C-alpha atoms as a PDB file:
ATOM      1  CA  UNK A   1      -0.271 -23.022  15.603  1.00  0.00           C
ATOM      2  CA  UNK A   2       1.731 -24.330  12.674  1.00  0.00           C
ATOM      3  CA  UNK A   3       3.857 -21.802  10.789  1.00  0.00           C
ATOM      4  CA  UNK A   4       4.246 -21.745   6.990  1.00  0.00           C
ATOM      5  CA  UNK A   5       6.936 -19.567   5.363  1.00  0.00           C
ATOM      6  CA  UNK A   6       6.808 -19.699   1.562  1.00  0.00           C
ATOM      7  CA  UNK A   7       9.141 -17.624  -0.645  1.00  0.00           C
ATOM      8  CA  UNK A   8       7.726 -16.267  -3.905  1.00  0.00           C
ATOM      9  CA  UNK A   9       9.083 -14.304  -6.842  1.00  0.00           C
ATOM     10  CA  UNK A  10       6.398 -12.297  -8.612  1.00  0.00           C
ATOM     11  CA  UNK A  11       7.120 -11.636 -12.278  1.00  0.00           C
ATOM     12  CA  UNK A  12       5.736  -8.411 -13.745  1.00  0.00           C
ATOM     13  CA  UNK A  13       3.822  -8.153 -17.006  1.00  0.00           C
ATOM     14  CA  UNK A  14       6.002  -5.154 -17.911  1.00  0.00           C
ATOM     15  CA  UNK A  15       8.956  -3.503 -16.114  1.00  0.00           C
ATOM     16  CA  UNK A  16       7.877  -0.992 -13.480  1.00  0.00           C
ATOM     17  CA  UNK A  17       9.884   2.161 -12.798  1.00  0.00           C
ATOM     18  CA  UNK A  18       9.668   4.881 -10.159  1.00  0.00           C
ATOM     19  CA  UNK A  19      12.065   7.735  -9.462  1.00  0.00           C
ATOM     20  CA  UNK A  20      14.694   5.628  -7.666  1.00  0.00           C
ATOM     21  CA  UNK A  21      14.505   2.182  -9.297  1.00  0.00           C
ATOM     22  CA  UNK A  22      13.239  -0.014 -12.120  1.00  0.00           C
ATOM     23  CA  UNK A  23      12.086  -3.584 -11.477  1.00  0.00           C
ATOM     24  CA  UNK A  24      10.957  -6.597 -13.475  1.00  0.00           C
ATOM     25  CA  UNK A  25       9.947  -8.719 -10.472  1.00  0.00           C
ATOM     26  CA  UNK A  26       9.223  -8.663  -6.743  1.00  0.00           C
ATOM     27  CA  UNK A  27      10.549 -11.007  -4.056  1.00  0.00           C
ATOM     28  CA  UNK A  28       7.990 -11.911  -1.393  1.00  0.00           C
ATOM     29  CA  UNK A  29       7.228 -14.209   1.532  1.00  0.00           C
ATOM     30  CA  UNK A  30       3.824 -15.679   2.213  1.00  0.00           C
ATOM     31  CA  UNK A  31       3.321 -16.315   5.918  1.00  0.00           C
ATOM     32  CA  UNK A  32       0.709 -18.842   7.000  1.00  0.00           C
ATOM     33  CA  UNK A  33      -0.573 -19.521  10.509  1.00  0.00           C
ATOM     34  CA  UNK A  34      -2.450 -22.835  10.687  1.00  0.00           C
ATOM     35  CA  UNK A  35      -4.736 -24.077  13.460  1.00  0.00           C
ATOM     36  CA  UNK A  36      -6.918 -27.190  13.227  1.00  0.00           C
ATOM     37  CA  UNK A  37      -6.483 -27.311   9.468  1.00  0.00           C
ATOM     38  CA  UNK A  38      -7.412 -23.661   8.847  1.00  0.00           C
ATOM     39  CA  UNK A  39      -4.694 -21.346   7.508  1.00  0.00           C
ATOM     40  CA  UNK A  40      -4.572 -17.580   7.776  1.00  0.00           C
ATOM     41  CA  UNK A  41      -2.293 -15.781   5.322  1.00  0.00           C
ATOM     42  CA  UNK A  42      -0.125 -12.683   5.407  1.00  0.00           C
ATOM     43  CA  UNK A  43       2.524 -11.264   3.111  1.00  0.00           C
ATOM     44  CA  UNK A  44       5.902  -9.543   3.216  1.00  0.00           C
ATOM     45  CA  UNK A  45       7.659  -8.029   0.189  1.00  0.00           C
ATOM     46  CA  UNK A  46      11.296  -7.032  -0.133  1.00  0.00           C
ATOM     47  CA  UNK A  47      12.062  -3.325  -0.304  1.00  0.00           C
ATOM     48  CA  UNK A  48      15.560  -1.908  -0.803  1.00  0.00           C
ATOM     49  CA  UNK A  49      14.550   1.628   0.230  1.00  0.00           C
ATOM     50  CA  UNK A  50      13.438   0.363   3.657  1.00  0.00           C
ATOM     51  CA  UNK A  51      16.253  -2.177   3.924  1.00  0.00           C
ATOM     52  CA  UNK A  52      13.967  -5.215   3.852  1.00  0.00           C
ATOM     53  CA  UNK A  53      15.292  -8.463   2.384  1.00  0.00           C
ATOM     54  CA  UNK A  54      13.085 -11.529   2.115  1.00  0.00           C
ATOM     55  CA  UNK A  55      16.063 -13.810   2.757  1.00  0.00           C
ATOM     56  CA  UNK A  56      16.936 -11.977   5.963  1.00  0.00           C
ATOM     57  CA  UNK A  57      13.300 -11.798   7.045  1.00  0.00           C
ATOM     58  CA  UNK A  58      12.869 -15.525   6.481  1.00  0.00           C
ATOM     59  CA  UNK A  59      15.896 -16.275   8.663  1.00  0.00           C
ATOM     60  CA  UNK A  60      14.568 -13.978  11.403  1.00  0.00           C
ATOM     61  CA  UNK A  61      11.164 -15.670  11.319  1.00  0.00           C
ATOM     62  CA  UNK A  62      12.678 -19.159  11.344  1.00  0.00           C
ATOM     63  CA  UNK A  63      14.738 -18.253  14.401  1.00  0.00           C
ATOM     64  CA  UNK A  64      11.448 -17.670  16.254  1.00  0.00           C
ATOM     65  CA  UNK A  65       9.545 -20.615  14.763  1.00  0.00           C
ATOM     66  CA  UNK A  66       9.251 -22.519  18.051  1.00  0.00           C
ATOM     67  CA  UNK A  67       7.952 -19.488  19.955  1.00  0.00           C
ATOM     68  CA  UNK A  68       5.457 -18.686  17.177  1.00  0.00           C
ATOM     69  CA  UNK A  69       4.173 -22.254  17.003  1.00  0.00           C
ATOM     70  CA  UNK A  70       3.741 -22.389  20.774  1.00  0.00           C
ATOM     71  CA  UNK A  71       1.223 -19.542  20.640  1.00  0.00           C
ATOM     72  CA  UNK A  72      -2.508 -20.130  20.689  1.00  0.00           C
ATOM     73  CA  UNK A  73      -4.736 -18.339  18.125  1.00  0.00           C
ATOM     74  CA  UNK A  74      -6.068 -15.521  20.272  1.00  0.00           C
ATOM     75  CA  UNK A  75      -7.809 -12.409  18.987  1.00  0.00           C
ATOM     76  CA  UNK A  76      -5.311 -10.618  16.692  1.00  0.00           C
ATOM     77  CA  UNK A  77      -5.224  -7.556  18.938  1.00  0.00           C
ATOM     78  CA  UNK A  78      -4.132  -9.812  21.803  1.00  0.00           C
ATOM     79  CA  UNK A  79      -1.490 -11.487  19.655  1.00  0.00           C
ATOM     80  CA  UNK A  80      -0.038  -8.229  18.351  1.00  0.00           C
ATOM     81  CA  UNK A  81       2.051  -7.425  21.472  1.00  0.00           C
ATOM     82  CA  UNK A  82       3.706 -10.807  20.985  1.00  0.00           C
ATOM     83  CA  UNK A  83       4.665  -9.934  17.413  1.00  0.00           C
ATOM     84  CA  UNK A  84       6.058  -6.680  18.765  1.00  0.00           C
ATOM     85  CA  UNK A  85       8.147  -8.480  21.367  1.00  0.00           C
ATOM     86  CA  UNK A  86       9.550 -10.896  18.764  1.00  0.00           C
ATOM     87  CA  UNK A  87      10.012  -8.486  15.833  1.00  0.00           C
ATOM     88  CA  UNK A  88       9.792  -5.024  17.317  1.00  0.00           C
ATOM     89  CA  UNK A  89      12.100  -3.349  14.807  1.00  0.00           C
ATOM     90  CA  UNK A  90      10.725  -5.006  11.679  1.00  0.00           C
ATOM     91  CA  UNK A  91       7.285  -3.702  10.741  1.00  0.00           C
ATOM     92  CA  UNK A  92       7.213  -5.820   7.566  1.00  0.00           C
ATOM     93  CA  UNK A  93       7.415  -9.092   9.539  1.00  0.00           C
ATOM     94  CA  UNK A  94       4.936  -7.844  12.134  1.00  0.00           C
ATOM     95  CA  UNK A  95       2.593  -6.929   9.301  1.00  0.00           C
ATOM     96  CA  UNK A  96       2.707 -10.381   7.692  1.00  0.00           C
ATOM     97  CA  UNK A  97       2.032 -12.108  11.010  1.00  0.00           C
ATOM     98  CA  UNK A  98      -0.731  -9.671  11.930  1.00  0.00           C
ATOM     99  CA  UNK A  99      -2.404 -10.131   8.538  1.00  0.00           C
ATOM    100  CA  UNK A 100      -2.210 -13.904   8.991  1.00  0.00           C
ATOM    101  CA  UNK A 101      -3.625 -13.581  12.517  1.00  0.00           C
ATOM    102  CA  UNK A 102      -6.673 -11.636  11.328  1.00  0.00           C
ATOM    103  CA  UNK A 103      -7.215 -13.996   8.403  1.00  0.00           C
ATOM    104  CA  UNK A 104      -7.040 -17.064  10.656  1.00  0.00           C
ATOM    105  CA  UNK A 105      -9.275 -15.558  13.340  1.00  0.00           C
ATOM    106  CA  UNK A 106     -11.865 -14.461  10.809  1.00  0.00           C
ATOM    107  CA  UNK A 107     -11.928 -17.821   9.068  1.00  0.00           C
ATOM    108  CA  UNK A 108     -12.175 -19.638  12.393  1.00  0.00           C
ATOM    109  CA  UNK A 109     -15.066 -17.422  13.541  1.00  0.00           C
ATOM    110  CA  UNK A 110     -16.696 -17.226  10.095  1.00  0.00           C
ATOM    111  CA  UNK A 111     -16.508 -13.455   9.857  1.00  0.00           C
ATOM    112  CA  UNK A 112     -14.637 -11.017   7.657  1.00  0.00           C
ATOM    113  CA  UNK A 113     -11.872  -8.934   9.172  1.00  0.00           C
ATOM    114  CA  UNK A 114     -13.824  -5.789   8.300  1.00  0.00           C
ATOM    115  CA  UNK A 115     -16.807  -7.110  10.277  1.00  0.00           C
ATOM    116  CA  UNK A 116     -14.586  -7.953  13.231  1.00  0.00           C
ATOM    117  CA  UNK A 117     -13.323  -4.362  13.113  1.00  0.00           C
ATOM    118  CA  UNK A 118     -16.872  -3.033  12.987  1.00  0.00           C
ATOM    119  CA  UNK A 119     -16.475  -1.696   9.445  1.00  0.00           C
ATOM    120  CA  UNK A 120     -18.721  -1.871   6.398  1.00  0.00           C
ATOM    121  CA  UNK A 121     -17.982  -4.638   3.913  1.00  0.00           C
ATOM    122  CA  UNK A 122     -18.827  -2.603   0.785  1.00  0.00           C
ATOM    123  CA  UNK A 123     -17.403   0.477  -0.840  1.00  0.00           C
ATOM    124  CA  UNK A 124     -18.113   2.714  -3.808  1.00  0.00           C
ATOM    125  CA  UNK A 125     -14.499   3.811  -4.019  1.00  0.00           C
ATOM    126  CA  UNK A 126     -12.293   3.238  -7.053  1.00  0.00           C
ATOM    127  CA  UNK A 127      -8.639   2.303  -6.871  1.00  0.00           C
ATOM    128  CA  UNK A 128      -6.328   4.358  -9.020  1.00  0.00           C
ATOM    129  CA  UNK A 129      -4.386   2.624 -11.805  1.00  0.00           C
ATOM    130  CA  UNK A 130      -0.646   3.214 -11.497  1.00  0.00           C
ATOM    131  CA  UNK A 131       1.445   4.323 -14.475  1.00  0.00           C
ATOM    132  CA  UNK A 132       5.178   3.732 -14.027  1.00  0.00           C
ATOM    133  CA  UNK A 133       7.839   6.007 -15.469  1.00  0.00           C
ATOM    134  CA  UNK A 134       8.335   5.185 -19.150  1.00  0.00           C
ATOM    135  CA  UNK A 135       8.579   6.830 -22.540  1.00  0.00           C
ATOM    136  CA  UNK A 136       5.547   8.783 -23.688  1.00  0.00           C
ATOM    137  CA  UNK A 137       4.380   6.196 -26.220  1.00  0.00           C
ATOM    138  CA  UNK A 138       4.318   3.379 -23.667  1.00  0.00           C
ATOM    139  CA  UNK A 139       2.532   5.434 -21.011  1.00  0.00           C
ATOM    140  CA  UNK A 140      -0.145   6.467 -23.501  1.00  0.00           C
ATOM    141  CA  UNK A 141      -0.463   2.875 -24.717  1.00  0.00           C
ATOM    142  CA  UNK A 142      -1.060   1.740 -21.133  1.00  0.00           C
ATOM    143  CA  UNK A 143      -3.816   4.333 -20.730  1.00  0.00           C
ATOM    144  CA  UNK A 144      -5.498   3.193 -23.951  1.00  0.00           C
ATOM    145  CA  UNK A 145      -5.344  -0.461 -22.887  1.00  0.00           C
ATOM    146  CA  UNK A 146      -6.517   0.317 -19.356  1.00  0.00           C
ATOM    147  CA  UNK A 147      -9.314   2.901 -19.394  1.00  0.00           C
ATOM    148  CA  UNK A 148      -9.640   3.962 -15.779  1.00  0.00           C
ATOM    149  CA  UNK A 149     -11.339   6.823 -13.919  1.00  0.00           C
ATOM    150  CA  UNK A 150      -8.229   7.615 -11.833  1.00  0.00           C
ATOM    151  CA  UNK A 151      -4.550   7.277 -12.737  1.00  0.00           C
ATOM    152  CA  UNK A 152      -1.579   7.632 -10.419  1.00  0.00           C
ATOM    153  CA  UNK A 153       1.371   8.709 -12.538  1.00  0.00           C
ATOM    154  CA  UNK A 154       4.866   8.095 -11.239  1.00  0.00           C
ATOM    155  CA  UNK A 155       7.073  11.059 -12.051  1.00  0.00           C
ATOM    156  CA  UNK A 156      10.772  11.437 -11.282  1.00  0.00           C
ATOM    157  CA  UNK A 157      12.897  14.565 -11.094  1.00  0.00           C
ATOM    158  CA  UNK A 158      11.865  15.396 -14.663  1.00  0.00           C
ATOM    159  CA  UNK A 159       8.385  16.907 -14.311  1.00  0.00           C
ATOM    160  CA  UNK A 160       6.891  15.936 -17.660  1.00  0.00           C
ATOM    161  CA  UNK A 161       4.245  18.517 -18.505  1.00  0.00           C
ATOM    162  CA  UNK A 162       4.222  17.476 -22.182  1.00  0.00           C
ATOM    163  CA  UNK A 163       3.179  13.960 -21.209  1.00  0.00           C
ATOM    164  CA  UNK A 164       0.295  15.365 -19.191  1.00  0.00           C
ATOM    165  CA  UNK A 165      -0.789  17.392 -22.234  1.00  0.00           C
ATOM    166  CA  UNK A 166      -0.903  14.248 -24.380  1.00  0.00           C
ATOM    167  CA  UNK A 167      -2.601  12.261 -21.645  1.00  0.00           C
ATOM    168  CA  UNK A 168      -5.338  14.875 -21.432  1.00  0.00           C
ATOM    169  CA  UNK A 169      -6.076  14.351 -25.144  1.00  0.00           C
ATOM    170  CA  UNK A 170      -6.894  10.711 -24.346  1.00  0.00           C
ATOM    171  CA  UNK A 171      -8.796  10.917 -21.078  1.00  0.00           C
ATOM    172  CA  UNK A 172     -10.599  13.198 -18.656  1.00  0.00           C
ATOM    173  CA  UNK A 173      -9.798  10.849 -15.767  1.00  0.00           C
ATOM    174  CA  UNK A 174      -8.516  12.168 -12.455  1.00  0.00           C
ATOM    175  CA  UNK A 175      -4.728  12.237 -12.301  1.00  0.00           C
ATOM    176  CA  UNK A 176      -2.598  11.858  -9.180  1.00  0.00           C
ATOM    177  CA  UNK A 177       1.151  12.489  -9.367  1.00  0.00           C
ATOM    178  CA  UNK A 178       3.599  10.500  -7.242  1.00  0.00           C
ATOM    179  CA  UNK A 179       7.113  11.938  -7.247  1.00  0.00           C
ATOM    180  CA  UNK A 180       8.521   9.413  -4.752  1.00  0.00           C
ATOM    181  CA  UNK A 181      10.510  12.237  -3.122  1.00  0.00           C
ATOM    182  CA  UNK A 182      12.341  13.205  -6.331  1.00  0.00           C
ATOM    183  CA  UNK A 183      11.607  16.948  -6.699  1.00  0.00           C
ATOM    184  CA  UNK A 184      13.536  19.939  -5.438  1.00  0.00           C
ATOM    185  CA  UNK A 185      11.598  22.684  -3.682  1.00  0.00           C
ATOM    186  CA  UNK A 186      12.456  25.129  -6.504  1.00  0.00           C
ATOM    187  CA  UNK A 187      11.182  22.790  -9.222  1.00  0.00           C
ATOM    188  CA  UNK A 188       8.051  22.019  -7.231  1.00  0.00           C
ATOM    189  CA  UNK A 189       7.161  25.700  -6.806  1.00  0.00           C
ATOM    190  CA  UNK A 190       7.732  26.359 -10.488  1.00  0.00           C
ATOM    191  CA  UNK A 191       5.991  23.284 -11.916  1.00  0.00           C
ATOM    192  CA  UNK A 192       3.027  22.592  -9.639  1.00  0.00           C
ATOM    193  CA  UNK A 193       0.876  25.383 -11.150  1.00  0.00           C
ATOM    194  CA  UNK A 194       1.567  23.987 -14.625  1.00  0.00           C
ATOM    195  CA  UNK A 195       0.602  20.419 -13.784  1.00  0.00           C
ATOM    196  CA  UNK A 196      -2.464  21.532 -11.823  1.00  0.00           C
ATOM    197  CA  UNK A 197      -3.618  23.429 -14.916  1.00  0.00           C
ATOM    198  CA  UNK A 198      -3.550  20.092 -16.714  1.00  0.00           C
ATOM    199  CA  UNK A 199      -5.924  18.488 -14.270  1.00  0.00           C
ATOM    200  CA  UNK A 200      -3.681  17.001 -11.575  1.00  0.00           C
ATOM    201  CA  UNK A 201      -5.799  16.746  -8.436  1.00  0.00           C
ATOM    202  CA  UNK A 202      -3.360  15.286  -5.894  1.00  0.00           C
ATOM    203  CA  UNK A 203       0.424  15.157  -5.408  1.00  0.00           C
ATOM    204  CA  UNK A 204       2.134  12.466  -3.382  1.00  0.00           C
ATOM    205  CA  UNK A 205       5.519  12.992  -1.693  1.00  0.00           C
ATOM    206  CA  UNK A 206       7.007  15.704  -3.928  1.00  0.00           C
ATOM    207  CA  UNK A 207      10.080  16.356  -1.749  1.00  0.00           C
ATOM    208  CA  UNK A 208      12.596  14.134  -0.028  1.00  0.00           C
ATOM    209  CA  UNK A 209      12.255  13.192   3.630  1.00  0.00           C
ATOM    210  CA  UNK A 210      15.179  15.535   4.325  1.00  0.00           C
ATOM    211  CA  UNK A 211      12.968  18.392   3.089  1.00  0.00           C
ATOM    212  CA  UNK A 212      10.005  17.593   5.320  1.00  0.00           C
ATOM    213  CA  UNK A 213       9.931  21.035   6.893  1.00  0.00           C
ATOM    214  CA  UNK A 214       9.880  22.678   3.451  1.00  0.00           C
ATOM    215  CA  UNK A 215       6.661  20.828   2.664  1.00  0.00           C
ATOM    216  CA  UNK A 216       4.787  23.434   4.715  1.00  0.00           C
ATOM    217  CA  UNK A 217       5.863  25.998   2.110  1.00  0.00           C
ATOM    218  CA  UNK A 218       4.090  23.974  -0.584  1.00  0.00           C
ATOM    219  CA  UNK A 219       1.082  23.202   1.600  1.00  0.00           C
ATOM    220  CA  UNK A 220       0.585  26.901   2.412  1.00  0.00           C
ATOM    221  CA  UNK A 221       1.181  28.030  -1.185  1.00  0.00           C
ATOM    222  CA  UNK A 222      -1.016  25.589  -3.126  1.00  0.00           C
ATOM    223  CA  UNK A 223      -4.540  24.222  -2.679  1.00  0.00           C
ATOM    224  CA  UNK A 224      -3.726  20.860  -4.286  1.00  0.00           C
ATOM    225  CA  UNK A 225      -3.660  18.147  -1.570  1.00  0.00           C
ATOM    226  CA  UNK A 226      -0.211  16.779  -0.695  1.00  0.00           C
ATOM    227  CA  UNK A 227       0.000  13.196   0.568  1.00  0.00           C
ATOM    228  CA  UNK A 228       2.944  11.894   2.602  1.00  0.00           C
ATOM    229  CA  UNK A 229       4.381   8.494   1.700  1.00  0.00           C
ATOM    230  CA  UNK A 230       8.119   8.262   2.339  1.00  0.00           C
ATOM    231  CA  UNK A 231       7.625  10.866   5.083  1.00  0.00           C
ATOM    232  CA  UNK A 232       5.039   8.679   6.787  1.00  0.00           C
ATOM    233  CA  UNK A 233       5.716   5.264   8.258  1.00  0.00           C
ATOM    234  CA  UNK A 234       3.807   4.869  11.507  1.00  0.00           C
ATOM    235  CA  UNK A 235       2.044   6.750  14.295  1.00  0.00           C
ATOM    236  CA  UNK A 236       5.249   8.483  15.375  1.00  0.00           C
ATOM    237  CA  UNK A 237       5.162  10.517  12.123  1.00  0.00           C
ATOM    238  CA  UNK A 238       1.629  11.841  12.528  1.00  0.00           C
ATOM    239  CA  UNK A 239       2.487  15.175  14.147  1.00  0.00           C
ATOM    240  CA  UNK A 240       5.021  15.972  11.429  1.00  0.00           C
ATOM    241  CA  UNK A 241       2.499  15.112   8.713  1.00  0.00           C
ATOM    242  CA  UNK A 242      -0.290  17.170  10.300  1.00  0.00           C
ATOM    243  CA  UNK A 243       1.989  20.199  10.088  1.00  0.00           C
ATOM    244  CA  UNK A 244       3.365  19.665   6.586  1.00  0.00           C
ATOM    245  CA  UNK A 245       0.921  17.550   4.531  1.00  0.00           C
ATOM    246  CA  UNK A 246      -2.789  17.251   3.863  1.00  0.00           C
ATOM    247  CA  UNK A 247      -2.885  13.476   4.126  1.00  0.00           C
ATOM    248  CA  UNK A 248      -0.927  10.256   4.561  1.00  0.00           C
ATOM    249  CA  UNK A 249      -0.511   7.093   2.521  1.00  0.00           C
ATOM    250  CA  UNK A 250      -1.085   4.228   4.966  1.00  0.00           C
ATOM    251  CA  UNK A 251       0.663   1.033   3.859  1.00  0.00           C
ATOM    252  CA  UNK A 252       0.230  -2.012   6.048  1.00  0.00           C
ATOM    253  CA  UNK A 253       3.849  -3.157   5.813  1.00  0.00           C
ATOM    254  CA  UNK A 254       5.201   0.173   7.018  1.00  0.00           C
ATOM    255  CA  UNK A 255       2.512   0.520   9.680  1.00  0.00           C
ATOM    256  CA  UNK A 256       3.098  -3.019  10.959  1.00  0.00           C
ATOM    257  CA  UNK A 257      -0.199  -4.619   9.964  1.00  0.00           C
ATOM    258  CA  UNK A 258      -3.951  -4.233  10.134  1.00  0.00           C
ATOM    259  CA  UNK A 259      -4.045  -3.727  13.915  1.00  0.00           C
ATOM    260  CA  UNK A 260      -1.797  -0.636  14.090  1.00  0.00           C
ATOM    261  CA  UNK A 261      -3.025   0.698  10.728  1.00  0.00           C
ATOM    262  CA  UNK A 262      -6.606   0.902  12.018  1.00  0.00           C
ATOM    263  CA  UNK A 263      -5.436   2.887  15.062  1.00  0.00           C
ATOM    264  CA  UNK A 264      -3.261   5.140  12.886  1.00  0.00           C
ATOM    265  CA  UNK A 265      -6.141   5.923  10.543  1.00  0.00           C
ATOM    266  CA  UNK A 266      -8.469   6.743  13.420  1.00  0.00           C
ATOM    267  CA  UNK A 267      -5.914   9.121  14.970  1.00  0.00           C
ATOM    268  CA  UNK A 268      -5.048  10.720  11.618  1.00  0.00           C
ATOM    269  CA  UNK A 269      -8.674  11.392  10.735  1.00  0.00           C
ATOM    270  CA  UNK A 270      -9.281  13.005  14.125  1.00  0.00           C
ATOM    271  CA  UNK A 271      -6.399  15.367  13.342  1.00  0.00           C
ATOM    272  CA  UNK A 272      -7.841  16.311   9.947  1.00  0.00           C
ATOM    273  CA  UNK A 273      -5.594  14.256   7.678  1.00  0.00           C
ATOM    274  CA  UNK A 274      -6.908  12.616   4.516  1.00  0.00           C
ATOM    275  CA  UNK A 275      -6.214   8.890   4.141  1.00  0.00           C
ATOM    276  CA  UNK A 276      -4.806   7.134   1.120  1.00  0.00           C
ATOM    277  CA  UNK A 277      -4.724   3.356   1.491  1.00  0.00           C
ATOM    278  CA  UNK A 278      -1.690   2.150  -0.437  1.00  0.00           C
ATOM    279  CA  UNK A 279       0.427  -0.899  -1.215  1.00  0.00           C
ATOM    280  CA  UNK A 280       4.027  -1.999  -1.751  1.00  0.00           C
ATOM    281  CA  UNK A 281       3.723  -4.322  -4.765  1.00  0.00           C
ATOM    282  CA  UNK A 282       1.930  -7.010  -2.812  1.00  0.00           C
ATOM    283  CA  UNK A 283      -0.070  -9.792  -4.391  1.00  0.00           C
ATOM    284  CA  UNK A 284      -3.747 -10.396  -3.680  1.00  0.00           C
ATOM    285  CA  UNK A 285      -2.716 -11.636  -0.203  1.00  0.00           C
ATOM    286  CA  UNK A 286      -1.508  -8.266   1.067  1.00  0.00           C
ATOM    287  CA  UNK A 287      -4.019  -6.282  -0.972  1.00  0.00           C
ATOM    288  CA  UNK A 288      -6.963  -8.274   0.392  1.00  0.00           C
ATOM    289  CA  UNK A 289      -5.715  -7.585   3.919  1.00  0.00           C
ATOM    290  CA  UNK A 290      -5.475  -3.859   3.190  1.00  0.00           C
ATOM    291  CA  UNK A 291      -8.923  -3.868   1.584  1.00  0.00           C
ATOM    292  CA  UNK A 292     -10.480  -4.666   4.958  1.00  0.00           C
ATOM    293  CA  UNK A 293      -9.838  -1.010   5.890  1.00  0.00           C
ATOM    294  CA  UNK A 294     -10.947   0.488   2.590  1.00  0.00           C
ATOM    295  CA  UNK A 295     -14.124   2.132   3.880  1.00  0.00           C
ATOM    296  CA  UNK A 296     -11.937   4.362   6.072  1.00  0.00           C
ATOM    297  CA  UNK A 297     -10.009   5.756   3.088  1.00  0.00           C
ATOM    298  CA  UNK A 298     -10.439   8.912   1.023  1.00  0.00           C
ATOM    299  CA  UNK A 299      -8.150   7.672  -1.773  1.00  0.00           C
ATOM    300  CA  UNK A 300      -7.289   4.086  -2.678  1.00  0.00           C
ATOM    301  CA  UNK A 301      -4.184   2.695  -4.393  1.00  0.00           C
ATOM    302  CA  UNK A 302      -4.568  -1.085  -4.240  1.00  0.00           C
ATOM    303  CA  UNK A 303      -3.801  -2.154  -7.793  1.00  0.00           C
ATOM    304  CA  UNK A 304      -0.395  -3.861  -7.601  1.00  0.00           C
ATOM    305  CA  UNK A 305      -1.823  -7.330  -8.318  1.00  0.00           C
ATOM    306  CA  UNK A 306      -2.444  -6.022 -11.848  1.00  0.00           C
ATOM    307  CA  UNK A 307       1.350  -5.861 -12.299  1.00  0.00           C
ATOM    308  CA  UNK A 308       1.867  -9.514 -11.405  1.00  0.00           C
ATOM    309  CA  UNK A 309       1.775 -12.435 -13.844  1.00  0.00           C
ATOM    310  CA  UNK A 310       1.851 -15.151 -11.199  1.00  0.00           C
ATOM    311  CA  UNK A 311      -0.353 -13.927  -8.347  1.00  0.00           C
ATOM    312  CA  UNK A 312      -0.496 -16.876  -5.893  1.00  0.00           C
ATOM    313  CA  UNK A 313      -3.922 -15.978  -4.506  1.00  0.00           C
ATOM    314  CA  UNK A 314      -7.490 -14.942  -5.231  1.00  0.00           C
ATOM    315  CA  UNK A 315      -9.047 -12.157  -3.198  1.00  0.00           C
ATOM    316  CA  UNK A 316      -9.658  -8.459  -3.758  1.00  0.00           C
ATOM    317  CA  UNK A 317     -10.757  -7.665  -7.312  1.00  0.00           C
ATOM    318  CA  UNK A 318     -11.100  -4.503  -9.326  1.00  0.00           C
ATOM    319  CA  UNK A 319     -14.277  -4.926 -11.367  1.00  0.00           C
ATOM    320  CA  UNK A 320     -15.316  -2.251 -13.844  1.00  0.00           C
ATOM    321  CA  UNK A 321     -12.702  -0.062 -12.156  1.00  0.00           C
ATOM    322  CA  UNK A 322     -14.349  -0.405  -8.757  1.00  0.00           C
ATOM    323  CA  UNK A 323     -13.158  -2.250  -5.680  1.00  0.00           C
ATOM    324  CA  UNK A 324     -14.957  -5.557  -5.225  1.00  0.00           C
ATOM    325  CA  UNK A 325     -14.313  -6.915  -1.751  1.00  0.00           C
ATOM    326  CA  UNK A 326     -14.078 -10.677  -1.455  1.00  0.00           C
ATOM    327  CA  UNK A 327     -16.982 -12.471   0.212  1.00  0.00           C
ATOM    328  CA  UNK A 328     -14.648 -14.956   1.909  1.00  0.00           C
ATOM    329  CA  UNK A 329     -14.131 -14.834   5.670  1.00  0.00           C
ATOM    330  CA  UNK A 330     -11.019 -13.382   7.282  1.00  0.00           C
ATOM    331  CA  UNK A 331      -9.107 -11.126   4.929  1.00  0.00           C
ATOM    332  CA  UNK A 332     -11.047 -12.539   1.987  1.00  0.00           C
ATOM    333  CA  UNK A 333      -8.175 -14.379   0.337  1.00  0.00           C
ATOM    334  CA  UNK A 334      -7.659 -17.911  -0.948  1.00  0.00           C
ATOM    335  CA  UNK A 335      -4.088 -19.153  -1.449  1.00  0.00           C
ATOM    336  CA  UNK A 336      -3.392 -22.262  -3.529  1.00  0.00           C
ATOM    337  CA  UNK A 337      -0.012 -23.829  -2.688  1.00  0.00           C
END
């Protein structure tokens, strides 16, 4: 196989803020695996919270270029142990290579990744539209410009009930709240009844990872589903999440790719956990890879390509607020470089 490693800088239409940071762009690497003129694509994005740098990741990948290019394009599940042996501690690199492996294998065999996994290729699910932290006027303006049936609202330590009141005057859409681990247990207990009264139907990661055991207090006290994000990375976190949350946000880069994510979802569902399929500000490359698992999800958050001015690919689309899976083989993505 021939290896392609292409750095990208995605510029946002508007700055995007969550509880711990505000960004105007996203650094990324596109990883291509080429065999007989066919290229499969995967993606890696930088993430300060998880200590992932695109520059460092690129150096690590280049150090293994010869070993990667000596591999033959086997079934992705056969290749995955090799990605583990080369990049065992870096799930973001393993994810990009695994995504590229599935895309290449599907294109070579003229099948979609979802078909290769034995999954349906259609869905009636809707992705939520994410609202970053901003002043009230700008959040409301975004809702007016983007009428959507489900919004995920980022909310920091300040639990803004007034904003929810104003939002409810504009829309009867479902509202998810994502605190990104910013709330204290005392604030959560006090404020959750108030935000639920204003139509919030799901809360993602209210407390910090250090407060994981206190999550059971919230889970036992309130009926609103709680979804783990920062508290969930891979299969090793499942038992903790079964005890303290109602569901998990599965993100391919944290899980290590499509191959482990499929296994994680299967195990989680058997243990009664709800599944949110999420993203980490990927372009259409990473989102199209994630979309191959979308029929396994209860909630979907695959909208980050809407943030990006200069998406390098065409793949997954959100049409009339619904997920439209690409009809292309592999992960359903076309990259023009």
